[in-house]
Amino acid sequence: METYTPLGIETESTARAIVDAAYRVHSALGPGLLESTYERVLSYELRTRGMKVETQIPVSVQYRDLFVPCGYRLDMLIHECVIVEVKAVEQTLPVHRAQLLTYLKLTSLRLGLLINFNVPLIKSGIKRIIL
């Protein structure tokens, strides 16, 4: 049986700041905009808080000695420890969760946030996924 290893303090702190920033963005803009708009505004909000934000990070696949440069892209990588997938959809689907899980596995990171801004209350649009 695997034992659970808690996330580090920096990762937890980063996640709290991302959720707080998502609340602020959603409060100001509400639902109904494009995913790219929310990504850009959330990136701006996080950067104004002094956070390291990378967007549209290419992710490749390695299988044994085969390297496959795929067209996969992380929406956001915050402080090199939390992946954020931004959505603006009627409802998140299992495929969105699977996408984030795959990104976590491919990058060997442990925490991802799936944030859907197209909801009346942002708390119902945030899903936390831990490996």
C-alpha atoms as a PDB file:
ATOM      1  CA  MET A   1       0.000   0.000   0.000  1.00  0.00           C
ATOM      2  CA  GLU A   2       1.278   3.466  -0.896  1.00  0.00           C
ATOM      3  CA  THR A   3       1.643   6.016   1.849  1.00  0.00           C
ATOM      4  CA  TYR A   4       0.436   9.532   1.282  1.00  0.00           C
ATOM      5  CA  THR A   5       3.098  12.213   1.336  1.00  0.00           C
ATOM      6  CA  PRO A   6       1.719  15.655   2.198  1.00  0.00           C
ATOM      7  CA  LEU A   7       2.316  18.476  -0.240  1.00  0.00           C
ATOM      8  CA  GLY A   8       5.002  20.977   0.703  1.00  0.00           C
ATOM      9  CA  ILE A   9       4.266  24.307   2.349  1.00  0.00           C
ATOM     10  CA  GLU A  10       5.171  26.242  -0.817  1.00  0.00           C
ATOM     11  CA  THR A  11       2.803  24.147  -2.931  1.00  0.00           C
ATOM     12  CA  GLU A  12      -0.062  24.577  -0.463  1.00  0.00           C
ATOM     13  CA  SER A  13       0.600  28.307  -0.159  1.00  0.00           C
ATOM     14  CA  THR A  14       0.701  28.646  -3.945  1.00  0.00           C
ATOM     15  CA  ALA A  15      -2.586  26.767  -4.288  1.00  0.00           C
ATOM     16  CA  ARG A  16      -4.299  29.039  -1.741  1.00  0.00           C
ATOM     17  CA  ALA A  17      -3.075  32.126  -3.597  1.00  0.00           C
ATOM     18  CA  ILE A  18      -4.351  30.741  -6.921  1.00  0.00           C
ATOM     19  CA  VAL A  19      -7.787  30.027  -5.470  1.00  0.00           C
ATOM     20  CA  ASP A  20      -7.919  33.501  -3.916  1.00  0.00           C
ATOM     21  CA  ALA A  21      -6.930  35.072  -7.246  1.00  0.00           C
ATOM     22  CA  ALA A  22      -9.577  33.011  -9.075  1.00  0.00           C
ATOM     23  CA  TYR A  23     -12.212  34.318  -6.632  1.00  0.00           C
ATOM     24  CA  ARG A  24     -11.092  37.882  -7.278  1.00  0.00           C
ATOM     25  CA  VAL A  25     -11.153  37.463 -11.068  1.00  0.00           C
ATOM     26  CA  HIS A  26     -14.553  35.768 -11.026  1.00  0.00           C
ATOM     27  CA  SER A  27     -16.005  38.421  -8.706  1.00  0.00           C
ATOM     28  CA  ALA A  28     -14.869  41.156 -11.078  1.00  0.00           C
ATOM     29  CA  LEU A  29     -15.717  39.528 -14.409  1.00  0.00           C
ATOM     30  CA  GLY A  30     -18.345  36.874 -13.684  1.00  0.00           C
ATOM     31  CA  PRO A  31     -19.063  33.955 -16.014  1.00  0.00           C
ATOM     32  CA  GLY A  32     -19.513  34.085 -19.784  1.00  0.00           C
ATOM     33  CA  LEU A  33     -16.125  35.156 -21.180  1.00  0.00           C
ATOM     34  CA  LEU A  34     -13.660  33.156 -23.238  1.00  0.00           C
ATOM     35  CA  GLU A  35     -11.232  30.760 -21.583  1.00  0.00           C
ATOM     36  CA  SER A  36      -8.300  32.728 -23.014  1.00  0.00           C
ATOM     37  CA  THR A  37      -9.568  35.892 -21.323  1.00  0.00           C
ATOM     38  CA  TYR A  38      -9.760  34.226 -17.909  1.00  0.00           C
ATOM     39  CA  GLU A  39      -6.308  32.723 -18.385  1.00  0.00           C
ATOM     40  CA  ARG A  40      -4.798  36.088 -19.225  1.00  0.00           C
ATOM     41  CA  VAL A  41      -6.535  37.931 -16.380  1.00  0.00           C
ATOM     42  CA  LEU A  42      -5.745  35.223 -13.824  1.00  0.00           C
ATOM     43  CA  SER A  43      -2.096  35.298 -14.953  1.00  0.00           C
ATOM     44  CA  TYR A  44      -2.073  39.068 -14.503  1.00  0.00           C
ATOM     45  CA  GLU A  45      -3.636  38.818 -11.035  1.00  0.00           C
ATOM     46  CA  LEU A  46      -1.087  36.223  -9.926  1.00  0.00           C
ATOM     47  CA  ARG A  47       1.858  38.184 -11.326  1.00  0.00           C
ATOM     48  CA  THR A  48       0.722  41.330  -9.493  1.00  0.00           C
ATOM     49  CA  ARG A  49       1.007  39.224  -6.334  1.00  0.00           C
ATOM     50  CA  GLY A  50       4.632  38.476  -7.154  1.00  0.00           C
ATOM     51  CA  MET A  51       4.058  34.925  -8.318  1.00  0.00           C
ATOM     52  CA  LYS A  52       6.023  33.194 -11.064  1.00  0.00           C
ATOM     53  CA  VAL A  53       3.504  32.387 -13.802  1.00  0.00           C
ATOM     54  CA  GLU A  54       4.219  30.537 -17.013  1.00  0.00           C
ATOM     55  CA  THR A  55       1.497  30.068 -19.618  1.00  0.00           C
ATOM     56  CA  GLN A  56       0.947  27.709 -22.535  1.00  0.00           C
ATOM     57  CA  ILE A  57       3.825  25.425 -21.577  1.00  0.00           C
ATOM     58  CA  PRO A  58       4.466  22.684 -24.161  1.00  0.00           C
ATOM     59  CA  VAL A  59       4.411  19.152 -22.776  1.00  0.00           C
ATOM     60  CA  SER A  60       5.954  16.221 -24.604  1.00  0.00           C
ATOM     61  CA  VAL A  61       5.610  12.502 -24.059  1.00  0.00           C
ATOM     62  CA  GLN A  62       8.490  10.152 -23.415  1.00  0.00           C
ATOM     63  CA  TYR A  63       8.029   6.433 -23.769  1.00  0.00           C
ATOM     64  CA  ARG A  64      11.195   4.513 -22.916  1.00  0.00           C
ATOM     65  CA  ASP A  65      13.746   5.957 -25.376  1.00  0.00           C
ATOM     66  CA  LEU A  66      11.120   7.519 -27.665  1.00  0.00           C
ATOM     67  CA  PHE A  67      10.538  11.261 -27.314  1.00  0.00           C
ATOM     68  CA  VAL A  68       7.261  12.513 -28.830  1.00  0.00           C
ATOM     69  CA  PRO A  69       6.954  16.316 -29.094  1.00  0.00           C
ATOM     70  CA  CYS A  70       3.174  16.542 -28.900  1.00  0.00           C
ATOM     71  CA  GLY A  71       0.820  19.461 -29.177  1.00  0.00           C
ATOM     72  CA  TYR A  72      -0.134  19.308 -25.501  1.00  0.00           C
ATOM     73  CA  ARG A  73       0.080  22.546 -23.526  1.00  0.00           C
ATOM     74  CA  LEU A  74      -0.381  23.384 -19.879  1.00  0.00           C
ATOM     75  CA  ASP A  75      -2.572  26.455 -19.525  1.00  0.00           C
ATOM     76  CA  MET A  76      -0.595  27.697 -16.555  1.00  0.00           C
ATOM     77  CA  LEU A  77       2.275  26.606 -14.338  1.00  0.00           C
ATOM     78  CA  ILE A  78       2.596  28.568 -11.106  1.00  0.00           C
ATOM     79  CA  HIS A  79       5.867  28.625  -9.113  1.00  0.00           C
ATOM     80  CA  GLU A  80       6.905  25.453 -10.957  1.00  0.00           C
ATOM     81  CA  CYS A  81       4.719  23.426  -8.574  1.00  0.00           C
ATOM     82  CA  VAL A  82       1.007  23.848  -9.432  1.00  0.00           C
ATOM     83  CA  ILE A  83      -0.635  23.249 -12.805  1.00  0.00           C
ATOM     84  CA  VAL A  84      -3.767  25.275 -13.512  1.00  0.00           C
ATOM     85  CA  GLU A  85      -6.144  24.269 -16.278  1.00  0.00           C
ATOM     86  CA  VAL A  86      -8.561  27.082 -17.046  1.00  0.00           C
ATOM     87  CA  LYS A  87     -11.997  26.289 -18.453  1.00  0.00           C
ATOM     88  CA  ALA A  88     -15.025  28.346 -19.419  1.00  0.00           C
ATOM     89  CA  VAL A  89     -17.537  25.581 -20.097  1.00  0.00           C
ATOM     90  CA  GLU A  90     -21.097  24.805 -19.064  1.00  0.00           C
ATOM     91  CA  GLN A  91     -19.776  21.983 -16.907  1.00  0.00           C
ATOM     92  CA  THR A  92     -16.467  20.224 -16.522  1.00  0.00           C
ATOM     93  CA  LEU A  93     -16.401  16.698 -17.865  1.00  0.00           C
ATOM     94  CA  PRO A  94     -14.384  13.634 -16.896  1.00  0.00           C
ATOM     95  CA  VAL A  95     -12.141  14.318 -19.912  1.00  0.00           C
ATOM     96  CA  HIS A  96     -11.081  17.659 -18.358  1.00  0.00           C
ATOM     97  CA  ARG A  97     -10.079  15.893 -15.139  1.00  0.00           C
ATOM     98  CA  ALA A  98      -8.269  13.202 -17.156  1.00  0.00           C
ATOM     99  CA  GLN A  99      -6.404  15.909 -19.083  1.00  0.00           C
ATOM    100  CA  LEU A 100      -5.119  17.458 -15.858  1.00  0.00           C
ATOM    101  CA  LEU A 101      -4.198  14.059 -14.403  1.00  0.00           C
ATOM    102  CA  THR A 102      -2.213  13.291 -17.551  1.00  0.00           C
ATOM    103  CA  TYR A 103      -0.371  16.612 -17.311  1.00  0.00           C
ATOM    104  CA  LEU A 104       0.494  15.909 -13.690  1.00  0.00           C
ATOM    105  CA  LYS A 105       1.896  12.491 -14.613  1.00  0.00           C
ATOM    106  CA  LEU A 106       3.849  13.793 -17.618  1.00  0.00           C
ATOM    107  CA  THR A 107       5.442  16.597 -15.591  1.00  0.00           C
ATOM    108  CA  SER A 108       5.910  14.612 -12.357  1.00  0.00           C
ATOM    109  CA  LEU A 109       4.105  17.358 -10.447  1.00  0.00           C
ATOM    110  CA  ARG A 110       1.610  16.513  -7.703  1.00  0.00           C
ATOM    111  CA  LEU A 111      -0.992  19.288  -7.588  1.00  0.00           C
ATOM    112  CA  GLY A 112      -3.319  20.609 -10.238  1.00  0.00           C
ATOM    113  CA  LEU A 113      -6.290  22.938 -10.129  1.00  0.00           C
ATOM    114  CA  LEU A 114      -9.072  22.690 -12.694  1.00  0.00           C
ATOM    115  CA  ILE A 115     -10.822  26.062 -12.632  1.00  0.00           C
ATOM    116  CA  ASN A 116     -14.055  26.562 -14.564  1.00  0.00           C
ATOM    117  CA  PHE A 117     -15.008  30.249 -14.620  1.00  0.00           C
ATOM    118  CA  ASN A 118     -18.359  29.676 -16.338  1.00  0.00           C
ATOM    119  CA  VAL A 119     -20.236  29.070 -13.079  1.00  0.00           C
ATOM    120  CA  PRO A 120     -22.440  31.311 -10.919  1.00  0.00           C
ATOM    121  CA  LEU A 121     -20.238  30.675  -7.833  1.00  0.00           C
ATOM    122  CA  ILE A 122     -16.533  30.094  -8.431  1.00  0.00           C
ATOM    123  CA  LYS A 123     -16.238  27.703  -5.475  1.00  0.00           C
ATOM    124  CA  SER A 124     -18.272  25.177  -7.468  1.00  0.00           C
ATOM    125  CA  GLY A 125     -15.901  25.595 -10.426  1.00  0.00           C
ATOM    126  CA  ILE A 126     -12.646  24.720  -8.656  1.00  0.00           C
ATOM    127  CA  LYS A 127     -11.445  21.119  -8.531  1.00  0.00           C
ATOM    128  CA  ARG A 128      -8.218  20.181  -6.763  1.00  0.00           C
ATOM    129  CA  ILE A 129      -6.379  17.111  -8.051  1.00  0.00           C
ATOM    130  CA  ILE A 130      -3.469  15.579  -6.166  1.00  0.00           C
ATOM    131  CA  LEU A 131      -1.201  12.700  -7.180  1.00  0.00           C
END
